[in-house]
Amino acid sequence: MDTTFDVRVWRIERGSGKLRESYGVRWSVAGKRHRKTFQTFALADGFRAELVTATHAGEPFNMSTGLPDRHEPRASSVGWYDFAVQFTDAQWPRVSANHRKKTRLAR
């Protein structure tokens, strides 16, 4: 995973579509341009603020995704099956008896 500190963030662009306006955030990481579009100005401004904050904090950016390392997805320590079992065990006591009976028969 290659990282760099060479990041430039531009201002928010306003785009007008046929149905509604959109707002785009543009930034470059090591010369490679990235863009993300949002439906509202507030969402775009929040995302841009996160990028600017990461650059000011001196966080490295991933060169392939263009995002700070803290935005990268991390591998979960719990697998999907174990998570589903834990979720079911946590929800099961709150479910009514008739719902439990119908759920067991559905298998």
N, C-alpha and C. Protein backbone atom coordinates (compact mmCIF):
# COMPACT_ATOMS: atom_id res chain seq x y z
N MET A 1 0.85 -1.17 0.00
CA MET A 1 0.00 0.00 0.00
C MET A 1 0.90 1.24 0.00
N ASP A 2 0.89 1.99 -1.09
CA ASP A 2 1.71 3.18 -1.21
C ASP A 2 0.95 4.37 -0.65
N THR A 3 1.64 5.17 0.14
CA THR A 3 1.04 6.38 0.70
C THR A 3 1.89 7.57 0.36
N THR A 4 1.28 8.75 0.44
CA THR A 4 1.98 9.99 0.15
C THR A 4 1.35 11.12 0.96
N PHE A 5 2.10 12.20 1.07
CA PHE A 5 1.62 13.40 1.73
C PHE A 5 1.35 14.51 0.71
N ASP A 6 1.55 14.21 -0.56
CA ASP A 6 1.35 15.18 -1.64
C ASP A 6 -0.15 15.23 -1.99
N VAL A 7 -0.89 16.11 -1.30
CA VAL A 7 -2.34 16.19 -1.46
C VAL A 7 -2.73 17.64 -1.69
N ARG A 8 -3.67 17.83 -2.60
CA ARG A 8 -4.22 19.16 -2.86
C ARG A 8 -5.74 19.03 -2.94
N VAL A 9 -6.45 19.88 -2.20
CA VAL A 9 -7.91 19.85 -2.15
C VAL A 9 -8.43 21.15 -2.75
N TRP A 10 -9.36 21.04 -3.70
CA TRP A 10 -9.95 22.22 -4.32
C TRP A 10 -11.28 22.56 -3.69
N ARG A 11 -11.84 23.68 -4.11
CA ARG A 11 -13.14 24.12 -3.57
C ARG A 11 -14.26 23.24 -4.12
N ILE A 12 -15.42 23.37 -3.53
CA ILE A 12 -16.58 22.57 -3.92
C ILE A 12 -17.15 23.13 -5.21
N GLU A 13 -17.43 22.23 -6.16
CA GLU A 13 -18.03 22.64 -7.43
C GLU A 13 -19.53 22.39 -7.39
N ARG A 14 -20.26 23.29 -7.98
CA ARG A 14 -21.72 23.16 -8.05
C ARG A 14 -22.08 22.73 -9.46
N GLY A 15 -22.81 21.63 -9.56
CA GLY A 15 -23.23 21.14 -10.86
C GLY A 15 -24.75 21.13 -10.95
N SER A 16 -25.26 21.43 -12.11
CA SER A 16 -26.71 21.42 -12.26
C SER A 16 -27.09 20.31 -13.23
N GLY A 17 -27.91 19.40 -12.73
CA GLY A 17 -28.39 18.31 -13.56
C GLY A 17 -29.81 18.57 -14.02
N LYS A 18 -30.40 17.60 -14.67
CA LYS A 18 -31.76 17.75 -15.15
C LYS A 18 -32.76 17.76 -14.01
N LEU A 19 -32.51 16.94 -13.00
CA LEU A 19 -33.47 16.81 -11.90
C LEU A 19 -33.10 17.66 -10.69
N ARG A 20 -31.82 17.73 -10.35
CA ARG A 20 -31.41 18.48 -9.16
C ARG A 20 -29.96 18.88 -9.28
N GLU A 21 -29.56 19.74 -8.36
CA GLU A 21 -28.17 20.17 -8.33
C GLU A 21 -27.33 19.14 -7.59
N SER A 22 -26.06 19.11 -7.90
CA SER A 22 -25.12 18.24 -7.18
C SER A 22 -23.89 19.05 -6.83
N TYR A 23 -23.15 18.55 -5.87
CA TYR A 23 -21.97 19.25 -5.39
C TYR A 23 -20.81 18.27 -5.40
N GLY A 24 -19.72 18.66 -6.03
CA GLY A 24 -18.58 17.78 -6.19
C GLY A 24 -17.36 18.28 -5.44
N VAL A 25 -16.66 17.35 -4.82
CA VAL A 25 -15.40 17.65 -4.15
C VAL A 25 -14.29 17.06 -5.01
N ARG A 26 -13.31 17.89 -5.33
CA ARG A 26 -12.17 17.44 -6.13
C ARG A 26 -10.90 17.57 -5.31
N TRP A 27 -10.04 16.56 -5.43
CA TRP A 27 -8.74 16.60 -4.78
C TRP A 27 -7.78 15.74 -5.57
N SER A 28 -6.50 15.97 -5.36
CA SER A 28 -5.50 15.16 -6.05
C SER A 28 -4.53 14.60 -5.02
N VAL A 29 -4.09 13.39 -5.28
CA VAL A 29 -3.11 12.71 -4.43
C VAL A 29 -1.97 12.27 -5.34
N ALA A 30 -0.81 12.83 -5.11
CA ALA A 30 0.38 12.54 -5.92
C ALA A 30 0.10 12.77 -7.40
N GLY A 31 -0.62 13.83 -7.70
CA GLY A 31 -0.91 14.19 -9.08
C GLY A 31 -2.10 13.49 -9.70
N LYS A 32 -2.64 12.47 -9.06
CA LYS A 32 -3.80 11.76 -9.59
C LYS A 32 -5.07 12.40 -9.03
N ARG A 33 -5.96 12.81 -9.94
CA ARG A 33 -7.17 13.52 -9.53
C ARG A 33 -8.27 12.57 -9.11
N HIS A 34 -9.01 12.99 -8.09
CA HIS A 34 -10.15 12.24 -7.57
C HIS A 34 -11.33 13.19 -7.44
N ARG A 35 -12.53 12.62 -7.51
CA ARG A 35 -13.74 13.42 -7.41
C ARG A 35 -14.84 12.57 -6.77
N LYS A 36 -15.61 13.20 -5.89
CA LYS A 36 -16.75 12.54 -5.27
C LYS A 36 -17.90 13.53 -5.29
N THR A 37 -19.09 13.05 -5.68
CA THR A 37 -20.26 13.90 -5.82
C THR A 37 -21.26 13.64 -4.71
N PHE A 38 -21.89 14.72 -4.22
CA PHE A 38 -22.88 14.64 -3.15
C PHE A 38 -24.14 15.36 -3.57
N GLN A 39 -25.26 15.01 -2.93
CA GLN A 39 -26.55 15.62 -3.27
C GLN A 39 -26.75 16.97 -2.61
N THR A 40 -26.11 17.20 -1.46
CA THR A 40 -26.27 18.48 -0.76
C THR A 40 -24.91 19.12 -0.54
N PHE A 41 -24.94 20.44 -0.39
CA PHE A 41 -23.71 21.18 -0.13
C PHE A 41 -23.12 20.80 1.22
N ALA A 42 -23.98 20.56 2.21
CA ALA A 42 -23.50 20.22 3.56
C ALA A 42 -22.71 18.92 3.56
N LEU A 43 -23.17 17.91 2.82
CA LEU A 43 -22.44 16.65 2.74
C LEU A 43 -21.09 16.84 2.06
N ALA A 44 -21.09 17.59 0.98
CA ALA A 44 -19.84 17.85 0.26
C ALA A 44 -18.87 18.64 1.13
N ASP A 45 -19.38 19.62 1.86
CA ASP A 45 -18.54 20.44 2.71
C ASP A 45 -17.95 19.61 3.86
N GLY A 46 -18.74 18.71 4.41
CA GLY A 46 -18.25 17.84 5.48
C GLY A 46 -17.14 16.92 5.01
N PHE A 47 -17.31 16.33 3.82
CA PHE A 47 -16.29 15.44 3.27
C PHE A 47 -15.01 16.22 2.97
N ARG A 48 -15.17 17.42 2.39
CA ARG A 48 -14.01 18.25 2.09
C ARG A 48 -13.29 18.64 3.37
N ALA A 49 -14.05 18.94 4.42
CA ALA A 49 -13.45 19.30 5.70
C ALA A 49 -12.63 18.14 6.27
N GLU A 50 -13.12 16.91 6.10
CA GLU A 50 -12.36 15.74 6.56
C GLU A 50 -11.04 15.61 5.80
N LEU A 51 -11.08 15.85 4.50
CA LEU A 51 -9.85 15.79 3.71
C LEU A 51 -8.85 16.85 4.15
N VAL A 52 -9.35 18.07 4.34
CA VAL A 52 -8.47 19.17 4.74
C VAL A 52 -7.90 18.92 6.13
N THR A 53 -8.73 18.43 7.03
CA THR A 53 -8.27 18.12 8.38
C THR A 53 -7.18 17.05 8.36
N ALA A 54 -7.35 16.05 7.51
CA ALA A 54 -6.34 14.99 7.41
C ALA A 54 -5.03 15.54 6.86
N THR A 55 -5.10 16.46 5.91
CA THR A 55 -3.86 17.04 5.38
C THR A 55 -3.18 17.90 6.43
N HIS A 56 -3.96 18.65 7.20
CA HIS A 56 -3.37 19.51 8.24
C HIS A 56 -2.79 18.68 9.38
N ALA A 57 -3.37 17.52 9.64
CA ALA A 57 -2.87 16.65 10.71
C ALA A 57 -1.66 15.84 10.25
N GLY A 58 -1.33 15.91 8.98
CA GLY A 58 -0.17 15.19 8.47
C GLY A 58 -0.40 13.71 8.27
N GLU A 59 -1.64 13.34 8.00
CA GLU A 59 -1.96 11.93 7.78
C GLU A 59 -1.59 11.53 6.36
N PRO A 60 -1.07 10.34 6.17
CA PRO A 60 -0.75 9.88 4.81
C PRO A 60 -2.02 9.51 4.05
N PHE A 61 -2.00 9.72 2.75
CA PHE A 61 -3.11 9.38 1.87
C PHE A 61 -2.71 8.19 1.02
N ASN A 62 -3.65 7.29 0.80
CA ASN A 62 -3.44 6.13 -0.05
C ASN A 62 -3.43 6.60 -1.50
N MET A 63 -2.43 6.22 -2.25
CA MET A 63 -2.30 6.70 -3.62
C MET A 63 -3.32 6.08 -4.57
N SER A 64 -3.79 4.87 -4.29
CA SER A 64 -4.74 4.22 -5.20
C SER A 64 -6.17 4.69 -4.95
N THR A 65 -6.57 4.85 -3.70
CA THR A 65 -7.96 5.26 -3.41
C THR A 65 -8.09 6.77 -3.29
N GLY A 66 -7.01 7.44 -2.93
CA GLY A 66 -7.06 8.89 -2.76
C GLY A 66 -7.60 9.32 -1.41
N LEU A 67 -7.82 8.39 -0.51
CA LEU A 67 -8.38 8.71 0.80
C LEU A 67 -7.31 8.59 1.89
N PRO A 68 -7.51 9.30 3.01
CA PRO A 68 -6.57 9.13 4.12
C PRO A 68 -6.60 7.69 4.63
N ASP A 69 -5.51 7.28 5.26
CA ASP A 69 -5.43 5.90 5.74
C ASP A 69 -6.52 5.57 6.74
N ARG A 70 -6.99 6.53 7.51
CA ARG A 70 -8.03 6.22 8.49
C ARG A 70 -9.37 5.93 7.83
N HIS A 71 -9.55 6.28 6.57
CA HIS A 71 -10.78 6.00 5.83
C HIS A 71 -10.76 4.63 5.17
N GLU A 72 -9.62 3.98 5.19
CA GLU A 72 -9.51 2.68 4.55
C GLU A 72 -10.28 1.63 5.33
N PRO A 73 -10.98 0.73 4.65
CA PRO A 73 -11.69 -0.33 5.36
C PRO A 73 -10.71 -1.29 6.02
N ARG A 74 -11.01 -1.65 7.25
CA ARG A 74 -10.17 -2.58 7.99
C ARG A 74 -10.84 -3.94 8.02
N ALA A 75 -10.04 -4.97 8.05
CA ALA A 75 -10.58 -6.32 8.14
C ALA A 75 -11.18 -6.52 9.53
N SER A 76 -12.38 -7.04 9.57
CA SER A 76 -13.07 -7.25 10.83
C SER A 76 -12.52 -8.50 11.50
N SER A 77 -12.49 -8.46 12.83
CA SER A 77 -12.01 -9.62 13.56
C SER A 77 -13.10 -10.68 13.68
N VAL A 78 -14.37 -10.28 13.40
CA VAL A 78 -15.49 -11.21 13.48
C VAL A 78 -15.97 -11.49 12.06
N GLY A 79 -16.11 -12.75 11.73
CA GLY A 79 -16.61 -13.12 10.41
C GLY A 79 -18.10 -12.87 10.28
N TRP A 80 -18.61 -12.92 9.05
CA TRP A 80 -20.02 -12.59 8.83
C TRP A 80 -20.94 -13.60 9.50
N TYR A 81 -20.58 -14.87 9.51
CA TYR A 81 -21.43 -15.89 10.12
C TYR A 81 -21.50 -15.70 11.63
N ASP A 82 -20.33 -15.49 12.25
CA ASP A 82 -20.31 -15.26 13.70
C ASP A 82 -21.09 -14.01 14.08
N PHE A 83 -20.98 -12.96 13.26
CA PHE A 83 -21.74 -11.74 13.52
C PHE A 83 -23.24 -12.01 13.43
N ALA A 84 -23.68 -12.76 12.42
CA ALA A 84 -25.09 -13.08 12.27
C ALA A 84 -25.61 -13.88 13.45
N VAL A 85 -24.82 -14.83 13.92
CA VAL A 85 -25.22 -15.63 15.08
C VAL A 85 -25.32 -14.76 16.33
N GLN A 86 -24.34 -13.88 16.54
CA GLN A 86 -24.37 -12.99 17.70
C GLN A 86 -25.56 -12.05 17.64
N PHE A 87 -25.87 -11.53 16.44
CA PHE A 87 -27.00 -10.64 16.28
C PHE A 87 -28.31 -11.37 16.59
N THR A 88 -28.46 -12.57 16.08
CA THR A 88 -29.67 -13.36 16.32
C THR A 88 -29.81 -13.67 17.81
N ASP A 89 -28.72 -14.05 18.45
CA ASP A 89 -28.76 -14.33 19.88
C ASP A 89 -29.17 -13.09 20.68
N ALA A 90 -28.72 -11.93 20.26
CA ALA A 90 -29.06 -10.70 20.97
C ALA A 90 -30.52 -10.31 20.75
N GLN A 91 -31.07 -10.57 19.56
CA GLN A 91 -32.44 -10.16 19.25
C GLN A 91 -33.49 -11.18 19.68
N TRP A 92 -33.10 -12.43 19.81
CA TRP A 92 -34.04 -13.52 20.04
C TRP A 92 -34.92 -13.31 21.28
N PRO A 93 -34.38 -12.88 22.43
CA PRO A 93 -35.23 -12.71 23.62
C PRO A 93 -36.31 -11.64 23.45
N ARG A 94 -36.12 -10.69 22.56
CA ARG A 94 -37.09 -9.60 22.37
C ARG A 94 -38.24 -9.98 21.44
N VAL A 95 -38.11 -11.11 20.75
CA VAL A 95 -39.09 -11.51 19.75
C VAL A 95 -40.20 -12.31 20.44
N SER A 96 -41.42 -12.11 19.97
CA SER A 96 -42.55 -12.82 20.57
C SER A 96 -42.47 -14.32 20.28
N ALA A 97 -43.20 -15.09 21.07
CA ALA A 97 -43.18 -16.55 20.93
C ALA A 97 -43.73 -16.99 19.58
N ASN A 98 -44.80 -16.36 19.11
CA ASN A 98 -45.36 -16.73 17.81
C ASN A 98 -44.37 -16.45 16.67
N HIS A 99 -43.65 -15.35 16.77
CA HIS A 99 -42.67 -15.03 15.74
C HIS A 99 -41.53 -16.06 15.74
N ARG A 100 -41.11 -16.49 16.93
CA ARG A 100 -40.07 -17.52 17.03
C ARG A 100 -40.52 -18.81 16.38
N LYS A 101 -41.77 -19.19 16.66
CA LYS A 101 -42.32 -20.44 16.11
C LYS A 101 -42.36 -20.36 14.59
N LYS A 102 -42.80 -19.26 14.04
CA LYS A 102 -42.88 -19.10 12.58
C LYS A 102 -41.49 -19.07 11.95
N THR A 103 -40.54 -18.48 12.65
CA THR A 103 -39.18 -18.41 12.13
C THR A 103 -38.54 -19.79 12.07
N ARG A 104 -38.77 -20.59 13.07
CA ARG A 104 -38.22 -21.95 13.08
C ARG A 104 -38.83 -22.81 12.00
N LEU A 105 -40.12 -22.62 11.72
CA LEU A 105 -40.78 -23.41 10.69
C LEU A 105 -40.34 -23.01 9.28
N ALA A 106 -39.85 -21.79 9.14
CA ALA A 106 -39.46 -21.30 7.82
C ALA A 106 -38.20 -22.00 7.31
N ARG A 107 -37.46 -22.62 8.15
CA ARG A 107 -36.21 -23.27 7.72
C ARG A 107 -36.46 -24.45 6.91
